[in-house]
Amino acid sequence: MPSLQRSVPESHPLALTVCYCEPARTPSLSSRNRRTVTHYNNQARTEKSRFRGALDDVIIIPLVFVALAASKILRFILSILMRLLDYAFPLAVQIVWLPLFAARVLGNVVVTVVIALLRFLPLSATNRRQWSMSIRRNWSWLRRKISYRAFEHAVYGAFESGMAWVFRKCRHLTPNTALLVILGAVLWLPISFGAATAMHVVLFAKVTSWPAWMQLLHPLATVIAKTKLLVLPVYPAAWPQAKKHPFVQLVFKSYENIKCLYVIKKVGFRYRQAEIAGVAAVERLERIAGLSSAVRWLRKAHVAEHLGVERPTQKLRSFFSRWSIQFSAEYYEAKERQASSIPS
């Protein structure tokens, strides 16, 4: 427009209008944002009009509040468990590190004693020096193997080799066999726990009547209880084949059909409403009680940072991040492709 090209003083009231109206020639981001907000509000109004109050809310609303309370309680319990793991992880590291440290100290003492005994043997100075250097060199090599990092690396390698074997075997299973393998692994969890618990109870109950050597079966019961950890790789390894089973496909289709039911959608809408109302009630209670600043300060985790509590959590997460990839089929497939591409 020609009128917009005339010079206007900065103090003139039209200066703001000219500068503001200039970008209106092209579609702006604010107009798209307004359309998005309008679409969201229209969608919310549509859902609200669809799920109006009815007689079924007498049953739905209590169930929603129970589910919301159970969700909050489970999240609270999970946060407590994570906090306990924050303190348990350094303790577990020290428990693993302590026997290794004791073995290294004992080895140092043994090497020192052996080298001291060489002085009393009828050997020449050259042979004695060679023996001492050989003993120190071998002990130095063995001492590097007796460390927490070496222990973790050895366990990591054994775990990876076992997982690769499980994935190779389960990849060629039929859907029926894969589903039976997963069902067997699921059933083994309560069986191993029940058998180990029963063995411990019987051994403690018969401690006075049975021979003393029978109490040595407690470690066997512990091993049986820990065997449930050995079946953990079966679930991700056999699942790609098991989900092709017609029964599993039927379960998936039934789940999708159930999600499309009006009652389920209404329960989900009421759950979201209850969650929003709960957050608003908590914020209002914070303002009324004058605790908003304290809660905001706690949410920023100043206390956790000052007390050094978050550092073990980062260590724990980094530890899990190094091991969680081993439960992925893609990881072992990529390793096989990499190994096959390397010429022998």
C-alpha atoms as a PDB file:
ATOM      1  CA  MET A   1       0.000   0.000   0.000  1.00  0.00           C
ATOM      2  CA  PRO A   2       1.355   3.484  -0.822  1.00  0.00           C
ATOM      3  CA  SER A   3       0.190   4.939   2.453  1.00  0.00           C
ATOM      4  CA  LEU A   4       2.402   2.543   4.383  1.00  0.00           C
ATOM      5  CA  GLN A   5       5.541   3.740   2.599  1.00  0.00           C
ATOM      6  CA  ARG A   6       5.333   7.317   3.905  1.00  0.00           C
ATOM      7  CA  SER A   7       7.663   8.269   6.699  1.00  0.00           C
ATOM      8  CA  VAL A   8       5.928   8.516  10.041  1.00  0.00           C
ATOM      9  CA  PRO A   9       7.525  10.038  13.121  1.00  0.00           C
ATOM     10  CA  GLU A  10       8.407   7.656  15.915  1.00  0.00           C
ATOM     11  CA  SER A  11       6.214   9.521  18.352  1.00  0.00           C
ATOM     12  CA  HIS A  12       3.260   9.365  15.987  1.00  0.00           C
ATOM     13  CA  PRO A  13       0.537   6.961  17.166  1.00  0.00           C
ATOM     14  CA  LEU A  14       0.336   5.331  13.742  1.00  0.00           C
ATOM     15  CA  ALA A  15       3.954   4.175  13.905  1.00  0.00           C
ATOM     16  CA  LEU A  16       3.041   1.162  16.028  1.00  0.00           C
ATOM     17  CA  THR A  17       0.146   0.353  13.754  1.00  0.00           C
ATOM     18  CA  VAL A  18       2.262   0.474  10.612  1.00  0.00           C
ATOM     19  CA  CYS A  19       4.974  -1.726  12.073  1.00  0.00           C
ATOM     20  CA  TYR A  20       2.416  -4.174  13.451  1.00  0.00           C
ATOM     21  CA  CYS A  21       0.349  -4.490  10.267  1.00  0.00           C
ATOM     22  CA  GLU A  22       3.323  -5.083   7.975  1.00  0.00           C
ATOM     23  CA  PRO A  23       3.729  -8.878   8.634  1.00  0.00           C
ATOM     24  CA  ALA A  24       0.041  -9.457   7.924  1.00  0.00           C
ATOM     25  CA  ARG A  25       0.745 -10.061   4.259  1.00  0.00           C
ATOM     26  CA  THR A  26       1.946 -13.640   4.935  1.00  0.00           C
ATOM     27  CA  PRO A  27       0.416 -16.302   7.224  1.00  0.00           C
ATOM     28  CA  SER A  28       1.995 -15.898  10.641  1.00  0.00           C
ATOM     29  CA  LEU A  29       2.828 -18.391  13.352  1.00  0.00           C
ATOM     30  CA  SER A  30       0.379 -16.781  15.769  1.00  0.00           C
ATOM     31  CA  SER A  31      -2.525 -17.491  13.429  1.00  0.00           C
ATOM     32  CA  ARG A  32      -1.528 -21.153  13.282  1.00  0.00           C
ATOM     33  CA  ASN A  33      -1.245 -21.222  17.064  1.00  0.00           C
ATOM     34  CA  ARG A  34      -4.698 -19.676  17.347  1.00  0.00           C
ATOM     35  CA  ARG A  35      -6.094 -22.310  15.023  1.00  0.00           C
ATOM     36  CA  THR A  36      -4.403 -25.052  17.077  1.00  0.00           C
ATOM     37  CA  VAL A  37      -5.768 -23.717  20.366  1.00  0.00           C
ATOM     38  CA  THR A  38      -9.202 -23.306  18.833  1.00  0.00           C
ATOM     39  CA  HIS A  39      -9.086 -26.879  17.500  1.00  0.00           C
ATOM     40  CA  TYR A  40      -8.017 -28.165  20.946  1.00  0.00           C
ATOM     41  CA  ASN A  41     -10.799 -26.237  22.672  1.00  0.00           C
ATOM     42  CA  ASN A  42     -13.328 -27.485  20.150  1.00  0.00           C
ATOM     43  CA  GLN A  43     -12.112 -31.039  20.684  1.00  0.00           C
ATOM     44  CA  ALA A  44     -12.374 -30.650  24.454  1.00  0.00           C
ATOM     45  CA  ARG A  45     -15.888 -29.243  24.111  1.00  0.00           C
ATOM     46  CA  THR A  46     -16.796 -32.131  21.816  1.00  0.00           C
ATOM     47  CA  GLU A  47     -15.561 -34.703  24.329  1.00  0.00           C
ATOM     48  CA  LYS A  48     -17.352 -32.933  27.144  1.00  0.00           C
ATOM     49  CA  SER A  49     -20.581 -32.890  25.174  1.00  0.00           C
ATOM     50  CA  ARG A  50     -20.184 -36.563  24.294  1.00  0.00           C
ATOM     51  CA  PHE A  51     -19.505 -37.712  27.850  1.00  0.00           C
ATOM     52  CA  ARG A  52     -22.210 -35.900  29.769  1.00  0.00           C
ATOM     53  CA  GLY A  53     -23.289 -36.883  33.231  1.00  0.00           C
ATOM     54  CA  ALA A  54     -25.413 -40.009  33.291  1.00  0.00           C
ATOM     55  CA  LEU A  55     -26.458 -42.828  35.571  1.00  0.00           C
ATOM     56  CA  ASP A  56     -23.340 -44.862  34.755  1.00  0.00           C
ATOM     57  CA  ASP A  57     -21.197 -42.158  36.414  1.00  0.00           C
ATOM     58  CA  VAL A  58     -22.349 -43.555  39.748  1.00  0.00           C
ATOM     59  CA  ILE A  59     -20.101 -46.544  39.039  1.00  0.00           C
ATOM     60  CA  ILE A  60     -17.490 -44.894  36.825  1.00  0.00           C
ATOM     61  CA  ILE A  61     -16.528 -42.012  39.114  1.00  0.00           C
ATOM     62  CA  PRO A  62     -15.710 -44.181  42.190  1.00  0.00           C
ATOM     63  CA  LEU A  63     -13.710 -46.545  39.979  1.00  0.00           C
ATOM     64  CA  VAL A  64     -11.845 -43.583  38.521  1.00  0.00           C
ATOM     65  CA  PHE A  65     -10.957 -42.215  41.953  1.00  0.00           C
ATOM     66  CA  VAL A  66      -9.803 -45.654  43.089  1.00  0.00           C
ATOM     67  CA  ALA A  67      -7.638 -46.026  39.961  1.00  0.00           C
ATOM     68  CA  LEU A  68      -6.228 -42.523  40.421  1.00  0.00           C
ATOM     69  CA  ALA A  69      -5.415 -43.199  44.076  1.00  0.00           C
ATOM     70  CA  ALA A  70      -3.804 -46.540  43.175  1.00  0.00           C
ATOM     71  CA  SER A  71      -1.726 -44.823  40.477  1.00  0.00           C
ATOM     72  CA  LYS A  72      -0.485 -42.165  42.901  1.00  0.00           C
ATOM     73  CA  ILE A  73       0.318 -44.772  45.548  1.00  0.00           C
ATOM     74  CA  LEU A  74       2.243 -46.907  43.065  1.00  0.00           C
ATOM     75  CA  ARG A  75       4.199 -43.877  41.894  1.00  0.00           C
ATOM     76  CA  PHE A  76       4.976 -42.988  45.503  1.00  0.00           C
ATOM     77  CA  ILE A  77       6.137 -46.533  46.218  1.00  0.00           C
ATOM     78  CA  LEU A  78       8.262 -46.467  43.073  1.00  0.00           C
ATOM     79  CA  SER A  79       9.872 -43.200  44.162  1.00  0.00           C
ATOM     80  CA  ILE A  80      10.637 -44.730  47.562  1.00  0.00           C
ATOM     81  CA  LEU A  81      12.173 -47.785  45.899  1.00  0.00           C
ATOM     82  CA  MET A  82      14.314 -45.550  43.715  1.00  0.00           C
ATOM     83  CA  ARG A  83      15.427 -43.648  46.802  1.00  0.00           C
ATOM     84  CA  LEU A  84      16.287 -46.928  48.535  1.00  0.00           C
ATOM     85  CA  LEU A  85      18.227 -48.005  45.467  1.00  0.00           C
ATOM     86  CA  ASP A  86      20.088 -44.711  45.692  1.00  0.00           C
ATOM     87  CA  TYR A  87      21.574 -45.901  48.969  1.00  0.00           C
ATOM     88  CA  ALA A  88      21.627 -49.623  48.161  1.00  0.00           C
ATOM     89  CA  PHE A  89      23.648 -49.234  44.970  1.00  0.00           C
ATOM     90  CA  PRO A  90      26.794 -47.827  46.646  1.00  0.00           C
ATOM     91  CA  LEU A  91      26.400 -50.444  49.380  1.00  0.00           C
ATOM     92  CA  ALA A  92      26.187 -53.231  46.782  1.00  0.00           C
ATOM     93  CA  VAL A  93      29.268 -51.860  45.047  1.00  0.00           C
ATOM     94  CA  GLN A  94      31.138 -51.896  48.344  1.00  0.00           C
ATOM     95  CA  ILE A  95      29.958 -55.447  49.078  1.00  0.00           C
ATOM     96  CA  VAL A  96      31.298 -56.632  45.728  1.00  0.00           C
ATOM     97  CA  TRP A  97      34.438 -54.528  46.088  1.00  0.00           C
ATOM     98  CA  LEU A  98      35.310 -55.694  49.621  1.00  0.00           C
ATOM     99  CA  PRO A  99      36.131 -59.383  48.821  1.00  0.00           C
ATOM    100  CA  LEU A 100      38.125 -58.284  45.788  1.00  0.00           C
ATOM    101  CA  PHE A 101      40.040 -55.789  47.920  1.00  0.00           C
ATOM    102  CA  ALA A 102      40.678 -58.471  50.546  1.00  0.00           C
ATOM    103  CA  ALA A 103      41.980 -60.838  47.851  1.00  0.00           C
ATOM    104  CA  ARG A 104      44.344 -58.165  46.531  1.00  0.00           C
ATOM    105  CA  VAL A 105      45.648 -57.390  50.033  1.00  0.00           C
ATOM    106  CA  LEU A 106      46.108 -61.101  50.754  1.00  0.00           C
ATOM    107  CA  GLY A 107      47.924 -61.517  47.457  1.00  0.00           C
ATOM    108  CA  ASN A 108      50.264 -58.637  48.294  1.00  0.00           C
ATOM    109  CA  VAL A 109      51.070 -60.254  51.625  1.00  0.00           C
ATOM    110  CA  VAL A 110      51.693 -63.658  50.021  1.00  0.00           C
ATOM    111  CA  VAL A 111      53.949 -62.157  47.347  1.00  0.00           C
ATOM    112  CA  THR A 112      55.914 -60.238  49.964  1.00  0.00           C
ATOM    113  CA  VAL A 113      56.363 -63.385  52.072  1.00  0.00           C
ATOM    114  CA  VAL A 114      57.418 -65.488  49.067  1.00  0.00           C
ATOM    115  CA  ILE A 115      59.963 -62.889  47.952  1.00  0.00           C
ATOM    116  CA  ALA A 116      61.302 -62.722  51.511  1.00  0.00           C
ATOM    117  CA  LEU A 117      61.633 -66.520  51.617  1.00  0.00           C
ATOM    118  CA  LEU A 118      63.705 -66.450  48.451  1.00  0.00           C
ATOM    119  CA  ARG A 119      66.499 -64.865  50.463  1.00  0.00           C
ATOM    120  CA  PHE A 120      66.856 -68.022  52.525  1.00  0.00           C
ATOM    121  CA  LEU A 121      66.987 -70.371  49.530  1.00  0.00           C
ATOM    122  CA  PRO A 122      70.350 -71.444  48.147  1.00  0.00           C
ATOM    123  CA  LEU A 123      70.079 -69.380  44.985  1.00  0.00           C
ATOM    124  CA  SER A 124      72.441 -66.998  43.311  1.00  0.00           C
ATOM    125  CA  ALA A 125      71.739 -63.287  43.316  1.00  0.00           C
ATOM    126  CA  THR A 126      70.896 -63.342  39.624  1.00  0.00           C
ATOM    127  CA  ASN A 127      68.410 -66.211  39.953  1.00  0.00           C
ATOM    128  CA  ARG A 128      66.911 -64.666  43.060  1.00  0.00           C
ATOM    129  CA  ARG A 129      66.422 -61.383  41.219  1.00  0.00           C
ATOM    130  CA  GLN A 130      64.865 -63.158  38.218  1.00  0.00           C
ATOM    131  CA  TRP A 131      62.508 -65.105  40.460  1.00  0.00           C
ATOM    132  CA  SER A 132      61.479 -61.926  42.265  1.00  0.00           C
ATOM    133  CA  MET A 133      60.841 -60.059  39.019  1.00  0.00           C
ATOM    134  CA  SER A 134      58.856 -62.975  37.600  1.00  0.00           C
ATOM    135  CA  ILE A 135      56.703 -63.249  40.737  1.00  0.00           C
ATOM    136  CA  ARG A 136      56.041 -59.504  40.792  1.00  0.00           C
ATOM    137  CA  ARG A 137      55.233 -59.435  37.070  1.00  0.00           C
ATOM    138  CA  ASN A 138      52.777 -62.362  37.310  1.00  0.00           C
ATOM    139  CA  TRP A 139      51.167 -60.945  40.418  1.00  0.00           C
ATOM    140  CA  SER A 140      50.817 -57.546  38.787  1.00  0.00           C
ATOM    141  CA  TRP A 141      48.965 -59.167  35.864  1.00  0.00           C
ATOM    142  CA  LEU A 142      46.747 -61.172  38.200  1.00  0.00           C
ATOM    143  CA  ARG A 143      46.143 -58.148  40.411  1.00  0.00           C
ATOM    144  CA  ARG A 144      44.685 -56.205  37.487  1.00  0.00           C
ATOM    145  CA  LYS A 145      42.230 -59.057  36.954  1.00  0.00           C
ATOM    146  CA  ILE A 146      41.106 -58.918  40.592  1.00  0.00           C
ATOM    147  CA  SER A 147      39.169 -55.656  40.391  1.00  0.00           C
ATOM    148  CA  TYR A 148      35.575 -54.534  40.277  1.00  0.00           C
ATOM    149  CA  ARG A 149      35.856 -53.374  36.666  1.00  0.00           C
ATOM    150  CA  ALA A 150      37.327 -56.704  35.606  1.00  0.00           C
ATOM    151  CA  PHE A 151      34.596 -58.523  37.536  1.00  0.00           C
ATOM    152  CA  GLU A 152      31.864 -56.441  35.911  1.00  0.00           C
ATOM    153  CA  HIS A 153      33.427 -56.919  32.482  1.00  0.00           C
ATOM    154  CA  ALA A 154      33.577 -60.702  32.974  1.00  0.00           C
ATOM    155  CA  VAL A 155      29.948 -60.862  34.123  1.00  0.00           C
ATOM    156  CA  TYR A 156      28.970 -58.560  31.273  1.00  0.00           C
ATOM    157  CA  GLY A 157      30.666 -60.822  28.717  1.00  0.00           C
ATOM    158  CA  ALA A 158      29.122 -63.989  30.152  1.00  0.00           C
ATOM    159  CA  PHE A 159      25.704 -62.359  30.253  1.00  0.00           C
ATOM    160  CA  GLU A 160      26.021 -61.128  26.682  1.00  0.00           C
ATOM    161  CA  SER A 161      27.115 -64.533  25.408  1.00  0.00           C
ATOM    162  CA  GLY A 162      24.203 -66.233  27.153  1.00  0.00           C
ATOM    163  CA  MET A 163      21.727 -63.682  25.840  1.00  0.00           C
ATOM    164  CA  ALA A 164      23.060 -64.054  22.295  1.00  0.00           C
ATOM    165  CA  TRP A 165      22.615 -67.833  22.516  1.00  0.00           C
ATOM    166  CA  VAL A 166      19.038 -67.441  23.802  1.00  0.00           C
ATOM    167  CA  PHE A 167      18.153 -64.987  21.019  1.00  0.00           C
ATOM    168  CA  ARG A 168      19.641 -67.249  18.354  1.00  0.00           C
ATOM    169  CA  LYS A 169      17.643 -70.234  19.579  1.00  0.00           C
ATOM    170  CA  CYS A 170      14.354 -68.391  20.119  1.00  0.00           C
ATOM    171  CA  ARG A 171      14.516 -66.608  16.781  1.00  0.00           C
ATOM    172  CA  HIS A 172      13.922 -69.872  14.918  1.00  0.00           C
ATOM    173  CA  LEU A 173      11.050 -71.087  17.105  1.00  0.00           C
ATOM    174  CA  THR A 174       7.550 -71.507  15.750  1.00  0.00           C
ATOM    175  CA  PRO A 175       4.824 -69.250  17.193  1.00  0.00           C
ATOM    176  CA  ASN A 176       3.331 -72.192  19.133  1.00  0.00           C
ATOM    177  CA  THR A 177       6.678 -73.177  20.653  1.00  0.00           C
ATOM    178  CA  ALA A 178       7.577 -69.561  21.449  1.00  0.00           C
ATOM    179  CA  LEU A 179       4.264 -69.056  23.251  1.00  0.00           C
ATOM    180  CA  LEU A 180       4.806 -72.263  25.253  1.00  0.00           C
ATOM    181  CA  VAL A 181       8.322 -71.118  26.170  1.00  0.00           C
ATOM    182  CA  ILE A 182       6.991 -67.807  27.496  1.00  0.00           C
ATOM    183  CA  LEU A 183       4.217 -69.555  29.436  1.00  0.00           C
ATOM    184  CA  GLY A 184       6.783 -71.928  30.948  1.00  0.00           C
ATOM    185  CA  ALA A 185       8.982 -68.997  31.969  1.00  0.00           C
ATOM    186  CA  VAL A 186       5.985 -67.250  33.545  1.00  0.00           C
ATOM    187  CA  LEU A 187       5.029 -70.391  35.471  1.00  0.00           C
ATOM    188  CA  TRP A 188       8.594 -70.921  36.658  1.00  0.00           C
ATOM    189  CA  LEU A 189       8.543 -67.650  38.618  1.00  0.00           C
ATOM    190  CA  PRO A 190       5.998 -68.797  41.267  1.00  0.00           C
ATOM    191  CA  ILE A 191       7.274 -72.386  41.143  1.00  0.00           C
ATOM    192  CA  SER A 192      10.866 -71.417  41.931  1.00  0.00           C
ATOM    193  CA  PHE A 193       9.779 -68.970  44.628  1.00  0.00           C
ATOM    194  CA  GLY A 194       7.407 -71.491  46.240  1.00  0.00           C
ATOM    195  CA  ALA A 195       9.929 -74.360  46.130  1.00  0.00           C
ATOM    196  CA  ALA A 196      12.722 -72.239  47.628  1.00  0.00           C
ATOM    197  CA  THR A 197      10.452 -70.882  50.354  1.00  0.00           C
ATOM    198  CA  ALA A 198       9.175 -74.378  51.198  1.00  0.00           C
ATOM    199  CA  MET A 199      12.729 -75.720  51.447  1.00  0.00           C
ATOM    200  CA  HIS A 200      13.780 -72.910  53.798  1.00  0.00           C
ATOM    201  CA  VAL A 201      10.697 -73.383  55.992  1.00  0.00           C
ATOM    202  CA  VAL A 202      11.093 -77.164  56.226  1.00  0.00           C
ATOM    203  CA  LEU A 203      14.806 -76.917  56.992  1.00  0.00           C
ATOM    204  CA  PHE A 204      14.180 -74.392  59.762  1.00  0.00           C
ATOM    205  CA  ALA A 205      11.324 -76.477  61.170  1.00  0.00           C
ATOM    206  CA  LYS A 206      13.414 -79.677  61.212  1.00  0.00           C
ATOM    207  CA  VAL A 207      16.609 -78.066  62.480  1.00  0.00           C
ATOM    208  CA  THR A 208      16.519 -80.081  65.724  1.00  0.00           C
ATOM    209  CA  SER A 209      15.397 -83.439  64.336  1.00  0.00           C
ATOM    210  CA  TRP A 210      17.318 -83.655  61.071  1.00  0.00           C
ATOM    211  CA  PRO A 211      21.105 -84.026  60.809  1.00  0.00           C
ATOM    212  CA  ALA A 212      23.159 -80.861  60.894  1.00  0.00           C
ATOM    213  CA  TRP A 213      24.470 -81.365  57.365  1.00  0.00           C
ATOM    214  CA  MET A 214      20.915 -80.971  56.032  1.00  0.00           C
ATOM    215  CA  GLN A 215      21.163 -77.245  56.751  1.00  0.00           C
ATOM    216  CA  LEU A 216      23.644 -77.071  53.886  1.00  0.00           C
ATOM    217  CA  LEU A 217      20.620 -77.284  51.588  1.00  0.00           C
ATOM    218  CA  HIS A 218      19.826 -73.625  52.295  1.00  0.00           C
ATOM    219  CA  PRO A 219      22.268 -72.477  49.590  1.00  0.00           C
ATOM    220  CA  LEU A 220      20.566 -74.909  47.188  1.00  0.00           C
ATOM    221  CA  ALA A 221      17.208 -73.323  47.985  1.00  0.00           C
ATOM    222  CA  THR A 222      18.709 -69.895  47.369  1.00  0.00           C
ATOM    223  CA  VAL A 223      20.038 -71.047  43.990  1.00  0.00           C
ATOM    224  CA  ILE A 224      16.578 -72.370  43.073  1.00  0.00           C
ATOM    225  CA  ALA A 225      15.059 -69.014  44.006  1.00  0.00           C
ATOM    226  CA  LYS A 226      17.593 -67.143  41.876  1.00  0.00           C
ATOM    227  CA  THR A 227      17.005 -69.334  38.813  1.00  0.00           C
ATOM    228  CA  LYS A 228      14.060 -67.106  37.952  1.00  0.00           C
ATOM    229  CA  LEU A 229      16.626 -64.553  36.830  1.00  0.00           C
ATOM    230  CA  LEU A 230      17.879 -67.011  34.217  1.00  0.00           C
ATOM    231  CA  VAL A 231      14.510 -67.047  32.415  1.00  0.00           C
ATOM    232  CA  LEU A 232      14.359 -63.256  32.045  1.00  0.00           C
ATOM    233  CA  PRO A 233      16.010 -63.287  28.588  1.00  0.00           C
ATOM    234  CA  VAL A 234      13.315 -65.652  27.333  1.00  0.00           C
ATOM    235  CA  TYR A 235      10.600 -62.980  27.292  1.00  0.00           C
ATOM    236  CA  PRO A 236      12.179 -60.509  24.840  1.00  0.00           C
ATOM    237  CA  ALA A 237      13.782 -63.323  22.831  1.00  0.00           C
ATOM    238  CA  ALA A 238      10.645 -65.394  22.245  1.00  0.00           C
ATOM    239  CA  TRP A 239       8.147 -62.538  22.022  1.00  0.00           C
ATOM    240  CA  PRO A 240       8.763 -61.640  18.317  1.00  0.00           C
ATOM    241  CA  GLN A 241       7.677 -65.153  17.356  1.00  0.00           C
ATOM    242  CA  ALA A 242       5.020 -65.576  20.051  1.00  0.00           C
ATOM    243  CA  LYS A 243       3.111 -62.468  18.986  1.00  0.00           C
ATOM    244  CA  LYS A 244       2.485 -64.118  15.598  1.00  0.00           C
ATOM    245  CA  HIS A 245       0.338 -66.772  17.276  1.00  0.00           C
ATOM    246  CA  PRO A 246      -3.375 -66.551  16.384  1.00  0.00           C
ATOM    247  CA  PHE A 247      -4.352 -66.388  20.062  1.00  0.00           C
ATOM    248  CA  VAL A 248      -2.053 -63.413  20.680  1.00  0.00           C
ATOM    249  CA  GLN A 249      -3.405 -61.696  17.564  1.00  0.00           C
ATOM    250  CA  LEU A 250      -6.921 -62.288  18.862  1.00  0.00           C
ATOM    251  CA  VAL A 251      -5.979 -60.723  22.184  1.00  0.00           C
ATOM    252  CA  PHE A 252      -4.593 -57.665  20.384  1.00  0.00           C
ATOM    253  CA  LYS A 253      -7.760 -57.269  18.299  1.00  0.00           C
ATOM    254  CA  SER A 254      -9.940 -57.683  21.390  1.00  0.00           C
ATOM    255  CA  TYR A 255      -7.910 -55.015  23.174  1.00  0.00           C
ATOM    256  CA  GLU A 256      -8.363 -52.587  20.283  1.00  0.00           C
ATOM    257  CA  ASN A 257     -12.100 -53.311  20.196  1.00  0.00           C
ATOM    258  CA  ILE A 258     -12.387 -52.762  23.944  1.00  0.00           C
ATOM    259  CA  LYS A 259     -10.582 -49.436  23.620  1.00  0.00           C
ATOM    260  CA  CYS A 260     -13.211 -48.277  21.127  1.00  0.00           C
ATOM    261  CA  LEU A 261     -16.108 -48.931  23.502  1.00  0.00           C
ATOM    262  CA  TYR A 262     -18.033 -45.885  24.694  1.00  0.00           C
ATOM    263  CA  VAL A 263     -17.725 -46.905  28.354  1.00  0.00           C
ATOM    264  CA  ILE A 264     -13.929 -47.260  28.159  1.00  0.00           C
ATOM    265  CA  LYS A 265     -13.569 -43.895  26.434  1.00  0.00           C
ATOM    266  CA  LYS A 266     -15.778 -42.312  29.066  1.00  0.00           C
ATOM    267  CA  VAL A 267     -13.735 -43.870  31.867  1.00  0.00           C
ATOM    268  CA  GLY A 268     -10.579 -42.449  30.287  1.00  0.00           C
ATOM    269  CA  PHE A 269     -12.167 -39.012  29.989  1.00  0.00           C
ATOM    270  CA  ARG A 270     -13.337 -39.075  33.621  1.00  0.00           C
ATOM    271  CA  TYR A 271      -9.853 -40.211  34.697  1.00  0.00           C
ATOM    272  CA  ARG A 272      -8.251 -37.235  32.947  1.00  0.00           C
ATOM    273  CA  GLN A 273     -10.823 -34.925  34.528  1.00  0.00           C
ATOM    274  CA  ALA A 274     -10.108 -36.353  38.002  1.00  0.00           C
ATOM    275  CA  GLU A 275      -6.375 -36.005  37.472  1.00  0.00           C
ATOM    276  CA  ILE A 276      -6.695 -32.347  36.449  1.00  0.00           C
ATOM    277  CA  ALA A 277      -9.023 -31.675  39.381  1.00  0.00           C
ATOM    278  CA  GLY A 278      -6.579 -33.339  41.765  1.00  0.00           C
ATOM    279  CA  VAL A 279      -3.661 -31.235  40.551  1.00  0.00           C
ATOM    280  CA  ALA A 280      -5.762 -28.067  40.874  1.00  0.00           C
ATOM    281  CA  ALA A 281      -6.842 -29.046  44.398  1.00  0.00           C
ATOM    282  CA  VAL A 282      -3.256 -29.666  45.479  1.00  0.00           C
ATOM    283  CA  GLU A 283      -2.105 -26.328  44.075  1.00  0.00           C
ATOM    284  CA  ARG A 284      -4.980 -24.538  45.792  1.00  0.00           C
ATOM    285  CA  LEU A 285      -4.144 -26.257  49.069  1.00  0.00           C
ATOM    286  CA  GLU A 286      -0.529 -25.151  48.680  1.00  0.00           C
ATOM    287  CA  ARG A 287      -1.601 -21.550  48.224  1.00  0.00           C
ATOM    288  CA  ILE A 288      -4.015 -21.662  51.157  1.00  0.00           C
ATOM    289  CA  ALA A 289      -1.463 -23.260  53.486  1.00  0.00           C
ATOM    290  CA  GLY A 290       1.311 -20.937  52.322  1.00  0.00           C
ATOM    291  CA  LEU A 291       3.515 -23.820  51.253  1.00  0.00           C
ATOM    292  CA  SER A 292       3.837 -22.948  47.581  1.00  0.00           C
ATOM    293  CA  SER A 293       7.354 -21.540  47.899  1.00  0.00           C
ATOM    294  CA  ALA A 294       8.551 -24.513  49.958  1.00  0.00           C
ATOM    295  CA  VAL A 295       7.030 -26.999  47.529  1.00  0.00           C
ATOM    296  CA  ARG A 296       8.528 -25.144  44.580  1.00  0.00           C
ATOM    297  CA  TRP A 297      11.910 -25.224  46.283  1.00  0.00           C
ATOM    298  CA  LEU A 298      11.640 -28.952  46.921  1.00  0.00           C
ATOM    299  CA  ARG A 299      10.591 -29.584  43.353  1.00  0.00           C
ATOM    300  CA  LYS A 300      13.807 -27.996  42.139  1.00  0.00           C
ATOM    301  CA  ALA A 301      15.623 -30.730  44.100  1.00  0.00           C
ATOM    302  CA  HIS A 302      17.945 -28.375  45.957  1.00  0.00           C
ATOM    303  CA  VAL A 303      17.941 -30.665  48.972  1.00  0.00           C
ATOM    304  CA  ALA A 304      18.818 -33.728  46.895  1.00  0.00           C
ATOM    305  CA  GLU A 305      21.652 -31.899  45.173  1.00  0.00           C
ATOM    306  CA  HIS A 306      23.101 -30.509  48.406  1.00  0.00           C
ATOM    307  CA  LEU A 307      22.937 -33.888  50.125  1.00  0.00           C
ATOM    308  CA  GLY A 308      24.444 -35.686  47.125  1.00  0.00           C
ATOM    309  CA  VAL A 309      21.521 -38.073  46.819  1.00  0.00           C
ATOM    310  CA  GLU A 310      21.097 -37.744  43.065  1.00  0.00           C
ATOM    311  CA  ARG A 311      24.600 -38.880  42.301  1.00  0.00           C
ATOM    312  CA  PRO A 312      23.955 -42.588  43.134  1.00  0.00           C
ATOM    313  CA  THR A 313      20.785 -42.408  41.051  1.00  0.00           C
ATOM    314  CA  GLN A 314      22.795 -41.284  38.034  1.00  0.00           C
ATOM    315  CA  LYS A 315      25.228 -44.114  38.674  1.00  0.00           C
ATOM    316  CA  LEU A 316      22.337 -46.553  38.920  1.00  0.00           C
ATOM    317  CA  ARG A 317      20.765 -45.280  35.717  1.00  0.00           C
ATOM    318  CA  SER A 318      24.084 -45.426  33.890  1.00  0.00           C
ATOM    319  CA  PHE A 319      24.530 -49.007  35.147  1.00  0.00           C
ATOM    320  CA  PHE A 320      21.057 -49.976  33.898  1.00  0.00           C
ATOM    321  CA  SER A 321      21.635 -48.185  30.598  1.00  0.00           C
ATOM    322  CA  ARG A 322      24.705 -50.339  29.995  1.00  0.00           C
ATOM    323  CA  TRP A 323      22.754 -53.534  30.635  1.00  0.00           C
ATOM    324  CA  SER A 324      19.275 -52.763  29.315  1.00  0.00           C
ATOM    325  CA  ILE A 325      20.397 -52.896  25.685  1.00  0.00           C
ATOM    326  CA  GLN A 326      21.180 -56.585  26.107  1.00  0.00           C
ATOM    327  CA  PHE A 327      17.433 -57.317  26.159  1.00  0.00           C
ATOM    328  CA  SER A 328      16.981 -56.059  22.601  1.00  0.00           C
ATOM    329  CA  ALA A 329      16.829 -58.428  19.652  1.00  0.00           C
ATOM    330  CA  GLU A 330      18.042 -55.670  17.341  1.00  0.00           C
ATOM    331  CA  TYR A 331      21.276 -55.418  19.332  1.00  0.00           C
ATOM    332  CA  TYR A 332      22.249 -59.048  18.712  1.00  0.00           C
ATOM    333  CA  GLU A 333      21.123 -58.954  15.096  1.00  0.00           C
ATOM    334  CA  ALA A 334      23.361 -55.930  14.536  1.00  0.00           C
ATOM    335  CA  LYS A 335      26.262 -57.727  16.224  1.00  0.00           C
ATOM    336  CA  GLU A 336      25.753 -60.779  14.011  1.00  0.00           C
ATOM    337  CA  ARG A 337      25.712 -58.619  10.878  1.00  0.00           C
ATOM    338  CA  GLN A 338      28.846 -56.861  12.075  1.00  0.00           C
ATOM    339  CA  ALA A 339      30.589 -60.154  12.801  1.00  0.00           C
ATOM    340  CA  SER A 340      29.588 -61.594   9.408  1.00  0.00           C
ATOM    341  CA  SER A 341      30.867 -58.507   7.576  1.00  0.00           C
ATOM    342  CA  ILE A 342      34.339 -58.836   9.115  1.00  0.00           C
ATOM    343  CA  PRO A 343      36.482 -61.174   6.976  1.00  0.00           C
ATOM    344  CA  SER A 344      37.960 -64.081   8.879  1.00  0.00           C
END
